[in-house]
Amino acid sequence: MTGLIHLYCGGGKGKTTAAVGLTVRCAGRGNKVVFAQFLKDGTSGECRVLAKLPDVTVMAANPVGKFSFRMTDAEKRETADALTRTFDAATGFAVREHARLLVLDEVCAAISCGFLDEKMVVKFLETKPETLEVVLTGRGPSEALQAHADYITEMKMQRHPFEKGIAAREGIEF
């Protein structure tokens, strides 16, 4: 079976949720899945559940725990190094273990913030194993990422509780 490339993007809620759903579907059929998160610490409710599934490997990198605009130059370098290591580990593991699905959650943000080299990501997409399905998520994907996607799904926010001052809720938003 040919592995295709999915891009879940946009300003609305649901990009990671859609990737989690596909992860569960794929693992539910006995396939190996690598779920890698960038700029997130891997402690969300969905990661806790995914990590318990026998065919799912979860990786995450957010060494500083801050938004990029609040990081010092040293923290930005540390973050870039950690995200590059996580990308290399996730892609390498997916290839070695013959995973059916690789999720690169928030890879678009990691690239747009300058923490991951877009050319490295594109090269992987161009040389990935033929049967490996790849999901890319995040806001503001580049034209290069869009050009490689077989599916592009844009999540559009029409209303969000944050506008009413309601903070993210444990078990619902994270």
N, C-alpha and C. Protein backbone atom coordinates (compact mmCIF):
# COMPACT_ATOMS: atom_id res chain seq x y z
N MET A 1 0.85 -1.18 0.00
CA MET A 1 0.00 0.00 0.00
C MET A 1 0.89 1.24 0.00
N THR A 2 0.56 2.19 -0.84
CA THR A 2 1.32 3.43 -0.93
C THR A 2 1.04 4.32 0.26
N GLY A 3 2.09 4.84 0.87
CA GLY A 3 1.95 5.77 1.98
C GLY A 3 1.83 7.19 1.46
N LEU A 4 0.81 7.89 1.89
CA LEU A 4 0.56 9.26 1.44
C LEU A 4 0.94 10.25 2.53
N ILE A 5 0.88 11.53 2.19
CA ILE A 5 1.25 12.60 3.12
C ILE A 5 0.02 13.46 3.40
N HIS A 6 -0.29 13.60 4.69
CA HIS A 6 -1.42 14.40 5.15
C HIS A 6 -0.89 15.69 5.77
N LEU A 7 -1.58 16.79 5.55
CA LEU A 7 -1.24 18.06 6.18
C LEU A 7 -2.50 18.60 6.84
N TYR A 8 -2.46 18.67 8.18
CA TYR A 8 -3.57 19.24 8.95
C TYR A 8 -3.09 20.60 9.44
N CYS A 9 -3.70 21.66 8.92
CA CYS A 9 -3.20 23.01 9.20
C CYS A 9 -4.35 23.95 9.52
N GLY A 10 -4.01 25.21 9.76
CA GLY A 10 -5.01 26.23 9.99
C GLY A 10 -5.04 26.72 11.43
N GLY A 11 -5.85 27.75 11.65
CA GLY A 11 -5.92 28.39 12.95
C GLY A 11 -6.95 27.79 13.89
N GLY A 12 -7.68 26.80 13.44
CA GLY A 12 -8.71 26.20 14.28
C GLY A 12 -8.22 25.03 15.09
N LYS A 13 -9.04 24.64 16.05
CA LYS A 13 -8.76 23.51 16.93
C LYS A 13 -8.98 22.21 16.15
N GLY A 14 -8.16 21.21 16.43
CA GLY A 14 -8.42 19.90 15.85
C GLY A 14 -7.31 19.26 15.05
N LYS A 15 -6.21 19.96 14.86
CA LYS A 15 -5.11 19.40 14.06
C LYS A 15 -4.49 18.19 14.75
N THR A 16 -4.09 18.37 15.98
CA THR A 16 -3.52 17.25 16.74
C THR A 16 -4.57 16.18 16.98
N THR A 17 -5.79 16.59 17.26
CA THR A 17 -6.87 15.64 17.50
C THR A 17 -7.08 14.74 16.29
N ALA A 18 -7.06 15.31 15.10
CA ALA A 18 -7.20 14.51 13.87
C ALA A 18 -6.04 13.53 13.73
N ALA A 19 -4.83 13.99 14.04
CA ALA A 19 -3.65 13.12 13.96
C ALA A 19 -3.74 11.99 14.97
N VAL A 20 -4.26 12.28 16.16
CA VAL A 20 -4.44 11.24 17.18
C VAL A 20 -5.46 10.21 16.70
N GLY A 21 -6.53 10.68 16.10
CA GLY A 21 -7.55 9.77 15.58
C GLY A 21 -6.99 8.81 14.54
N LEU A 22 -6.18 9.33 13.63
CA LEU A 22 -5.56 8.47 12.62
C LEU A 22 -4.57 7.51 13.26
N THR A 23 -3.86 7.98 14.29
CA THR A 23 -2.93 7.12 15.02
C THR A 23 -3.67 5.93 15.63
N VAL A 24 -4.79 6.20 16.28
CA VAL A 24 -5.58 5.14 16.91
C VAL A 24 -6.11 4.18 15.85
N ARG A 25 -6.61 4.71 14.76
CA ARG A 25 -7.14 3.87 13.68
C ARG A 25 -6.05 2.95 13.14
N CYS A 26 -4.89 3.51 12.88
CA CYS A 26 -3.79 2.74 12.31
C CYS A 26 -3.29 1.67 13.29
N ALA A 27 -3.06 2.06 14.54
CA ALA A 27 -2.60 1.11 15.56
C ALA A 27 -3.67 0.05 15.83
N GLY A 28 -4.92 0.43 15.73
CA GLY A 28 -6.02 -0.51 15.94
C GLY A 28 -6.05 -1.63 14.92
N ARG A 29 -5.38 -1.42 13.80
CA ARG A 29 -5.26 -2.45 12.76
C ARG A 29 -3.94 -3.21 12.87
N GLY A 30 -3.25 -3.01 14.00
CA GLY A 30 -2.01 -3.75 14.23
C GLY A 30 -0.78 -3.17 13.57
N ASN A 31 -0.84 -1.91 13.18
CA ASN A 31 0.30 -1.25 12.54
C ASN A 31 1.14 -0.49 13.55
N LYS A 32 2.43 -0.38 13.26
CA LYS A 32 3.32 0.42 14.10
C LYS A 32 3.17 1.89 13.73
N VAL A 33 3.14 2.73 14.77
CA VAL A 33 2.99 4.17 14.59
C VAL A 33 4.03 4.90 15.43
N VAL A 34 4.62 5.94 14.86
CA VAL A 34 5.50 6.84 15.61
C VAL A 34 4.78 8.19 15.66
N PHE A 35 4.55 8.68 16.88
CA PHE A 35 3.84 9.94 17.11
C PHE A 35 4.84 10.91 17.74
N ALA A 36 5.38 11.83 16.95
CA ALA A 36 6.40 12.77 17.43
C ALA A 36 5.80 14.16 17.56
N GLN A 37 6.00 14.78 18.72
CA GLN A 37 5.51 16.13 18.96
C GLN A 37 6.68 17.10 19.08
N PHE A 38 6.52 18.23 18.42
CA PHE A 38 7.51 19.30 18.48
C PHE A 38 6.90 20.48 19.21
N LEU A 39 7.67 21.12 20.07
CA LEU A 39 7.22 22.27 20.86
C LEU A 39 6.12 21.90 21.84
N LYS A 40 6.03 20.62 22.17
CA LYS A 40 5.10 20.12 23.18
C LYS A 40 5.87 19.13 24.03
N ASP A 41 5.45 18.96 25.28
CA ASP A 41 6.24 18.13 26.20
C ASP A 41 5.81 16.67 26.30
N GLY A 42 4.79 16.28 25.55
CA GLY A 42 4.38 14.88 25.55
C GLY A 42 3.59 14.43 26.76
N THR A 43 3.11 15.38 27.58
CA THR A 43 2.36 15.00 28.79
C THR A 43 0.85 15.22 28.65
N SER A 44 0.39 15.57 27.46
CA SER A 44 -1.04 15.80 27.27
C SER A 44 -1.81 14.49 27.44
N GLY A 45 -3.09 14.60 27.63
CA GLY A 45 -3.93 13.42 27.80
C GLY A 45 -3.81 12.45 26.65
N GLU A 46 -3.78 12.97 25.42
CA GLU A 46 -3.70 12.07 24.27
C GLU A 46 -2.37 11.32 24.22
N CYS A 47 -1.28 11.99 24.59
CA CYS A 47 0.02 11.30 24.59
C CYS A 47 0.08 10.24 25.68
N ARG A 48 -0.53 10.51 26.80
CA ARG A 48 -0.55 9.51 27.89
C ARG A 48 -1.27 8.24 27.44
N VAL A 49 -2.36 8.39 26.72
CA VAL A 49 -3.09 7.22 26.23
C VAL A 49 -2.33 6.54 25.10
N LEU A 50 -1.84 7.32 24.15
CA LEU A 50 -1.13 6.73 23.01
C LEU A 50 0.08 5.93 23.48
N ALA A 51 0.78 6.42 24.49
CA ALA A 51 1.98 5.74 24.99
C ALA A 51 1.66 4.37 25.58
N LYS A 52 0.41 4.15 25.95
CA LYS A 52 0.00 2.86 26.51
C LYS A 52 -0.33 1.83 25.43
N LEU A 53 -0.47 2.27 24.20
CA LEU A 53 -0.80 1.35 23.11
C LEU A 53 0.47 0.63 22.67
N PRO A 54 0.42 -0.69 22.52
CA PRO A 54 1.64 -1.46 22.26
C PRO A 54 2.33 -1.13 20.94
N ASP A 55 1.60 -0.68 19.93
CA ASP A 55 2.22 -0.42 18.63
C ASP A 55 2.51 1.06 18.38
N VAL A 56 2.37 1.90 19.41
CA VAL A 56 2.60 3.33 19.26
C VAL A 56 3.81 3.76 20.08
N THR A 57 4.72 4.47 19.43
CA THR A 57 5.88 5.05 20.10
C THR A 57 5.70 6.56 20.10
N VAL A 58 5.71 7.17 21.28
CA VAL A 58 5.54 8.62 21.41
C VAL A 58 6.88 9.26 21.72
N MET A 59 7.19 10.33 21.00
CA MET A 59 8.39 11.12 21.24
C MET A 59 7.97 12.58 21.32
N ALA A 60 8.65 13.36 22.14
CA ALA A 60 8.31 14.77 22.26
C ALA A 60 9.55 15.59 22.58
N ALA A 61 9.52 16.85 22.15
CA ALA A 61 10.64 17.75 22.42
C ALA A 61 10.14 19.16 22.66
N ASN A 62 10.34 19.63 23.85
CA ASN A 62 10.07 21.01 24.23
C ASN A 62 10.95 21.32 25.43
N PRO A 63 12.27 21.40 25.22
CA PRO A 63 13.19 21.46 26.35
C PRO A 63 13.07 22.70 27.23
N VAL A 64 12.61 23.80 26.66
CA VAL A 64 12.59 25.06 27.40
C VAL A 64 11.20 25.32 27.99
N GLY A 65 10.16 24.89 27.32
CA GLY A 65 8.80 25.08 27.82
C GLY A 65 8.30 26.50 27.72
N LYS A 66 8.80 27.24 26.74
CA LYS A 66 8.37 28.63 26.54
C LYS A 66 7.98 28.83 25.08
N PHE A 67 7.19 29.86 24.83
CA PHE A 67 6.96 30.28 23.46
C PHE A 67 8.25 30.85 22.90
N SER A 68 8.46 30.71 21.61
CA SER A 68 9.73 31.12 21.00
C SER A 68 10.04 32.60 21.22
N PHE A 69 9.02 33.45 21.23
CA PHE A 69 9.27 34.89 21.39
C PHE A 69 9.73 35.25 22.80
N ARG A 70 9.64 34.30 23.73
CA ARG A 70 10.11 34.54 25.10
C ARG A 70 11.45 33.87 25.38
N MET A 71 12.01 33.18 24.41
CA MET A 71 13.26 32.46 24.61
C MET A 71 14.47 33.35 24.39
N THR A 72 15.50 33.08 25.16
CA THR A 72 16.79 33.72 24.92
C THR A 72 17.42 33.04 23.70
N ASP A 73 18.50 33.63 23.19
CA ASP A 73 19.20 33.02 22.06
C ASP A 73 19.71 31.63 22.43
N ALA A 74 20.20 31.48 23.64
CA ALA A 74 20.71 30.17 24.09
C ALA A 74 19.57 29.15 24.15
N GLU A 75 18.41 29.57 24.62
CA GLU A 75 17.25 28.67 24.69
C GLU A 75 16.77 28.29 23.29
N LYS A 76 16.85 29.23 22.37
CA LYS A 76 16.47 28.93 20.98
C LYS A 76 17.41 27.90 20.38
N ARG A 77 18.71 28.03 20.64
CA ARG A 77 19.67 27.04 20.14
C ARG A 77 19.41 25.67 20.76
N GLU A 78 19.15 25.66 22.07
CA GLU A 78 18.84 24.40 22.77
C GLU A 78 17.59 23.74 22.19
N THR A 79 16.58 24.55 21.91
CA THR A 79 15.33 24.03 21.34
C THR A 79 15.56 23.49 19.94
N ALA A 80 16.29 24.24 19.12
CA ALA A 80 16.58 23.77 17.76
C ALA A 80 17.33 22.44 17.78
N ASP A 81 18.31 22.33 18.66
CA ASP A 81 19.07 21.07 18.77
C ASP A 81 18.15 19.92 19.20
N ALA A 82 17.31 20.17 20.19
CA ALA A 82 16.41 19.12 20.69
C ALA A 82 15.39 18.70 19.63
N LEU A 83 14.84 19.65 18.91
CA LEU A 83 13.85 19.32 17.89
C LEU A 83 14.48 18.58 16.72
N THR A 84 15.70 18.96 16.36
CA THR A 84 16.40 18.25 15.29
C THR A 84 16.70 16.82 15.71
N ARG A 85 17.14 16.63 16.95
CA ARG A 85 17.38 15.27 17.46
C ARG A 85 16.10 14.45 17.46
N THR A 86 14.99 15.07 17.86
CA THR A 86 13.71 14.35 17.89
C THR A 86 13.26 13.99 16.48
N PHE A 87 13.42 14.90 15.55
CA PHE A 87 13.06 14.61 14.15
C PHE A 87 13.90 13.43 13.64
N ASP A 88 15.20 13.49 13.86
CA ASP A 88 16.08 12.40 13.42
C ASP A 88 15.70 11.08 14.08
N ALA A 89 15.42 11.12 15.38
CA ALA A 89 15.05 9.90 16.11
C ALA A 89 13.72 9.34 15.60
N ALA A 90 12.74 10.21 15.40
CA ALA A 90 11.42 9.75 14.96
C ALA A 90 11.46 9.17 13.55
N THR A 91 12.11 9.88 12.64
CA THR A 91 12.16 9.39 11.26
C THR A 91 13.01 8.13 11.17
N GLY A 92 14.13 8.12 11.89
CA GLY A 92 14.99 6.93 11.88
C GLY A 92 14.28 5.72 12.45
N PHE A 93 13.59 5.90 13.56
CA PHE A 93 12.86 4.81 14.19
C PHE A 93 11.74 4.31 13.28
N ALA A 94 11.01 5.23 12.66
CA ALA A 94 9.91 4.85 11.76
C ALA A 94 10.43 4.01 10.60
N VAL A 95 11.57 4.39 10.05
CA VAL A 95 12.15 3.64 8.93
C VAL A 95 12.66 2.28 9.41
N ARG A 96 13.45 2.27 10.48
CA ARG A 96 14.04 1.01 10.99
C ARG A 96 12.98 0.00 11.40
N GLU A 97 11.93 0.48 12.05
CA GLU A 97 10.89 -0.40 12.59
C GLU A 97 9.76 -0.67 11.60
N HIS A 98 9.90 -0.16 10.38
CA HIS A 98 8.89 -0.36 9.34
C HIS A 98 7.51 0.10 9.81
N ALA A 99 7.48 1.28 10.40
CA ALA A 99 6.20 1.85 10.86
C ALA A 99 5.30 2.09 9.65
N ARG A 100 4.02 2.02 9.88
CA ARG A 100 3.04 2.31 8.83
C ARG A 100 2.68 3.79 8.81
N LEU A 101 2.78 4.45 10.00
CA LEU A 101 2.38 5.85 10.13
C LEU A 101 3.39 6.60 10.98
N LEU A 102 3.75 7.79 10.51
CA LEU A 102 4.60 8.72 11.26
C LEU A 102 3.86 10.04 11.37
N VAL A 103 3.60 10.48 12.60
CA VAL A 103 2.96 11.77 12.84
C VAL A 103 4.04 12.74 13.30
N LEU A 104 4.12 13.89 12.63
CA LEU A 104 5.04 14.96 13.01
C LEU A 104 4.18 16.15 13.46
N ASP A 105 3.75 16.10 14.70
CA ASP A 105 2.81 17.08 15.25
C ASP A 105 3.52 18.40 15.54
N GLU A 106 2.98 19.47 15.02
CA GLU A 106 3.52 20.84 15.13
C GLU A 106 4.84 21.02 14.39
N VAL A 107 5.08 20.18 13.38
CA VAL A 107 6.29 20.34 12.59
C VAL A 107 6.27 21.66 11.81
N CYS A 108 5.08 22.11 11.41
CA CYS A 108 4.99 23.39 10.68
C CYS A 108 5.45 24.55 11.55
N ALA A 109 5.04 24.55 12.81
CA ALA A 109 5.46 25.60 13.74
C ALA A 109 6.95 25.51 14.02
N ALA A 110 7.46 24.29 14.15
CA ALA A 110 8.89 24.11 14.41
C ALA A 110 9.72 24.68 13.26
N ILE A 111 9.22 24.53 12.04
CA ILE A 111 9.92 25.08 10.88
C ILE A 111 9.77 26.60 10.84
N SER A 112 8.55 27.10 11.01
CA SER A 112 8.33 28.54 10.89
C SER A 112 9.03 29.34 11.99
N CYS A 113 9.25 28.71 13.15
CA CYS A 113 9.99 29.37 14.23
C CYS A 113 11.50 29.27 14.05
N GLY A 114 11.93 28.54 13.03
CA GLY A 114 13.36 28.41 12.76
C GLY A 114 14.06 27.33 13.57
N PHE A 115 13.30 26.43 14.18
CA PHE A 115 13.89 25.37 15.00
C PHE A 115 14.20 24.10 14.22
N LEU A 116 13.53 23.90 13.10
CA LEU A 116 13.79 22.74 12.25
C LEU A 116 14.07 23.23 10.84
N ASP A 117 15.00 22.58 10.19
CA ASP A 117 15.36 22.92 8.82
C ASP A 117 14.32 22.36 7.85
N GLU A 118 13.64 23.23 7.14
CA GLU A 118 12.61 22.80 6.21
C GLU A 118 13.17 21.87 5.14
N LYS A 119 14.36 22.15 4.66
CA LYS A 119 14.95 21.30 3.61
C LYS A 119 15.14 19.86 4.10
N MET A 120 15.49 19.71 5.37
CA MET A 120 15.66 18.38 5.95
C MET A 120 14.31 17.64 5.97
N VAL A 121 13.25 18.33 6.34
CA VAL A 121 11.92 17.72 6.39
C VAL A 121 11.47 17.35 4.98
N VAL A 122 11.63 18.26 4.04
CA VAL A 122 11.23 18.00 2.66
C VAL A 122 12.02 16.83 2.08
N LYS A 123 13.32 16.78 2.36
CA LYS A 123 14.13 15.66 1.86
C LYS A 123 13.60 14.33 2.40
N PHE A 124 13.23 14.32 3.68
CA PHE A 124 12.66 13.09 4.24
C PHE A 124 11.37 12.72 3.50
N LEU A 125 10.50 13.69 3.27
CA LEU A 125 9.24 13.41 2.57
C LEU A 125 9.49 12.85 1.18
N GLU A 126 10.53 13.33 0.53
CA GLU A 126 10.85 12.88 -0.82
C GLU A 126 11.51 11.51 -0.85
N THR A 127 12.12 11.11 0.25
CA THR A 127 12.87 9.84 0.28
C THR A 127 12.29 8.82 1.25
N LYS A 128 11.16 9.11 1.86
CA LYS A 128 10.56 8.21 2.85
C LYS A 128 10.26 6.86 2.20
N PRO A 129 10.16 5.81 3.02
CA PRO A 129 9.75 4.52 2.47
C PRO A 129 8.38 4.64 1.79
N GLU A 130 8.20 3.92 0.72
CA GLU A 130 6.98 4.03 -0.09
C GLU A 130 5.71 3.73 0.70
N THR A 131 5.80 2.84 1.67
CA THR A 131 4.60 2.44 2.41
C THR A 131 4.32 3.28 3.66
N LEU A 132 5.21 4.22 3.97
CA LEU A 132 5.05 5.03 5.18
C LEU A 132 4.09 6.19 4.95
N GLU A 133 3.02 6.23 5.72
CA GLU A 133 2.07 7.34 5.71
C GLU A 133 2.62 8.39 6.67
N VAL A 134 2.56 9.67 6.30
CA VAL A 134 3.11 10.74 7.15
C VAL A 134 2.03 11.80 7.36
N VAL A 135 1.90 12.24 8.61
CA VAL A 135 1.00 13.33 8.96
C VAL A 135 1.84 14.49 9.47
N LEU A 136 1.62 15.66 8.89
CA LEU A 136 2.25 16.91 9.31
C LEU A 136 1.15 17.79 9.89
N THR A 137 1.40 18.42 11.03
CA THR A 137 0.39 19.33 11.58
C THR A 137 1.02 20.67 11.92
N GLY A 138 0.16 21.68 12.03
CA GLY A 138 0.60 22.99 12.50
C GLY A 138 0.04 24.13 11.67
N ARG A 139 0.16 25.30 12.23
CA ARG A 139 -0.28 26.52 11.54
C ARG A 139 0.76 26.95 10.52
N GLY A 140 0.30 27.61 9.49
CA GLY A 140 1.19 28.25 8.53
C GLY A 140 2.17 27.35 7.82
N PRO A 141 1.72 26.25 7.22
CA PRO A 141 2.67 25.40 6.51
C PRO A 141 3.24 26.13 5.29
N SER A 142 4.48 25.85 5.01
CA SER A 142 5.14 26.49 3.87
C SER A 142 4.58 25.93 2.56
N GLU A 143 4.87 26.63 1.48
CA GLU A 143 4.46 26.15 0.16
C GLU A 143 5.12 24.82 -0.16
N ALA A 144 6.35 24.64 0.28
CA ALA A 144 7.06 23.39 0.01
C ALA A 144 6.36 22.21 0.68
N LEU A 145 5.93 22.38 1.93
CA LEU A 145 5.21 21.29 2.60
C LEU A 145 3.87 21.04 1.92
N GLN A 146 3.18 22.10 1.57
CA GLN A 146 1.89 21.95 0.89
C GLN A 146 2.05 21.22 -0.44
N ALA A 147 3.13 21.51 -1.15
CA ALA A 147 3.36 20.88 -2.45
C ALA A 147 3.56 19.37 -2.33
N HIS A 148 4.04 18.90 -1.20
CA HIS A 148 4.29 17.47 -1.00
C HIS A 148 3.09 16.72 -0.42
N ALA A 149 2.07 17.44 0.01
CA ALA A 149 0.93 16.81 0.67
C ALA A 149 -0.06 16.23 -0.34
N ASP A 150 -0.53 15.03 -0.03
CA ASP A 150 -1.60 14.42 -0.83
C ASP A 150 -2.96 14.84 -0.30
N TYR A 151 -3.04 15.06 1.01
CA TYR A 151 -4.25 15.56 1.67
C TYR A 151 -3.87 16.89 2.32
N ILE A 152 -4.70 17.90 2.16
CA ILE A 152 -4.54 19.13 2.93
C ILE A 152 -5.89 19.43 3.56
N THR A 153 -5.93 19.43 4.88
CA THR A 153 -7.15 19.73 5.61
C THR A 153 -6.89 20.96 6.47
N GLU A 154 -7.67 22.01 6.23
CA GLU A 154 -7.49 23.24 7.00
C GLU A 154 -8.58 23.34 8.06
N MET A 155 -8.14 23.49 9.31
CA MET A 155 -9.06 23.68 10.42
C MET A 155 -9.28 25.19 10.56
N LYS A 156 -10.51 25.62 10.47
CA LYS A 156 -10.82 27.05 10.53
C LYS A 156 -11.58 27.36 11.81
N MET A 157 -11.05 28.29 12.58
CA MET A 157 -11.73 28.69 13.81
C MET A 157 -12.86 29.66 13.46
N GLN A 158 -14.04 29.34 13.94
CA GLN A 158 -15.16 30.26 13.80
C GLN A 158 -15.55 30.84 15.14
N ARG A 159 -15.32 30.06 16.19
CA ARG A 159 -15.59 30.51 17.55
C ARG A 159 -14.72 29.67 18.48
N HIS A 160 -14.24 30.29 19.54
CA HIS A 160 -13.40 29.56 20.50
C HIS A 160 -13.65 30.13 21.89
N PRO A 161 -13.73 29.27 22.92
CA PRO A 161 -13.97 29.74 24.29
C PRO A 161 -12.90 30.71 24.81
N PHE A 162 -11.70 30.65 24.25
CA PHE A 162 -10.64 31.57 24.66
C PHE A 162 -11.07 33.03 24.48
N GLU A 163 -11.90 33.26 23.46
CA GLU A 163 -12.40 34.62 23.21
C GLU A 163 -13.24 35.15 24.36
N LYS A 164 -13.80 34.23 25.16
CA LYS A 164 -14.61 34.61 26.33
C LYS A 164 -13.79 34.55 27.61
N GLY A 165 -12.48 34.35 27.47
CA GLY A 165 -11.62 34.28 28.64
C GLY A 165 -11.55 32.92 29.29
N ILE A 166 -12.04 31.89 28.62
CA ILE A 166 -12.00 30.53 29.17
C ILE A 166 -10.66 29.90 28.79
N ALA A 167 -9.87 29.56 29.80
CA ALA A 167 -8.54 28.99 29.56
C ALA A 167 -8.66 27.53 29.11
N ALA A 168 -7.57 27.02 28.54
CA ALA A 168 -7.52 25.62 28.13
C ALA A 168 -7.80 24.73 29.34
N ARG A 169 -8.63 23.70 29.13
CA ARG A 169 -9.08 22.84 30.21
C ARG A 169 -8.45 21.45 30.10
N GLU A 170 -7.92 20.97 31.22
CA GLU A 170 -7.31 19.65 31.26
C GLU A 170 -8.35 18.59 30.88
N GLY A 171 -7.95 17.69 30.00
CA GLY A 171 -8.85 16.63 29.56
C GLY A 171 -9.71 17.01 28.37
N ILE A 172 -9.74 18.29 28.04
CA ILE A 172 -10.50 18.75 26.87
C ILE A 172 -9.56 19.34 25.83
N GLU A 173 -8.81 20.36 26.20
CA GLU A 173 -7.85 20.95 25.26
C GLU A 173 -6.45 20.36 25.38
N PHE A 174 -6.15 19.73 26.50
CA PHE A 174 -4.83 19.10 26.64
C PHE A 174 -4.92 17.89 27.53
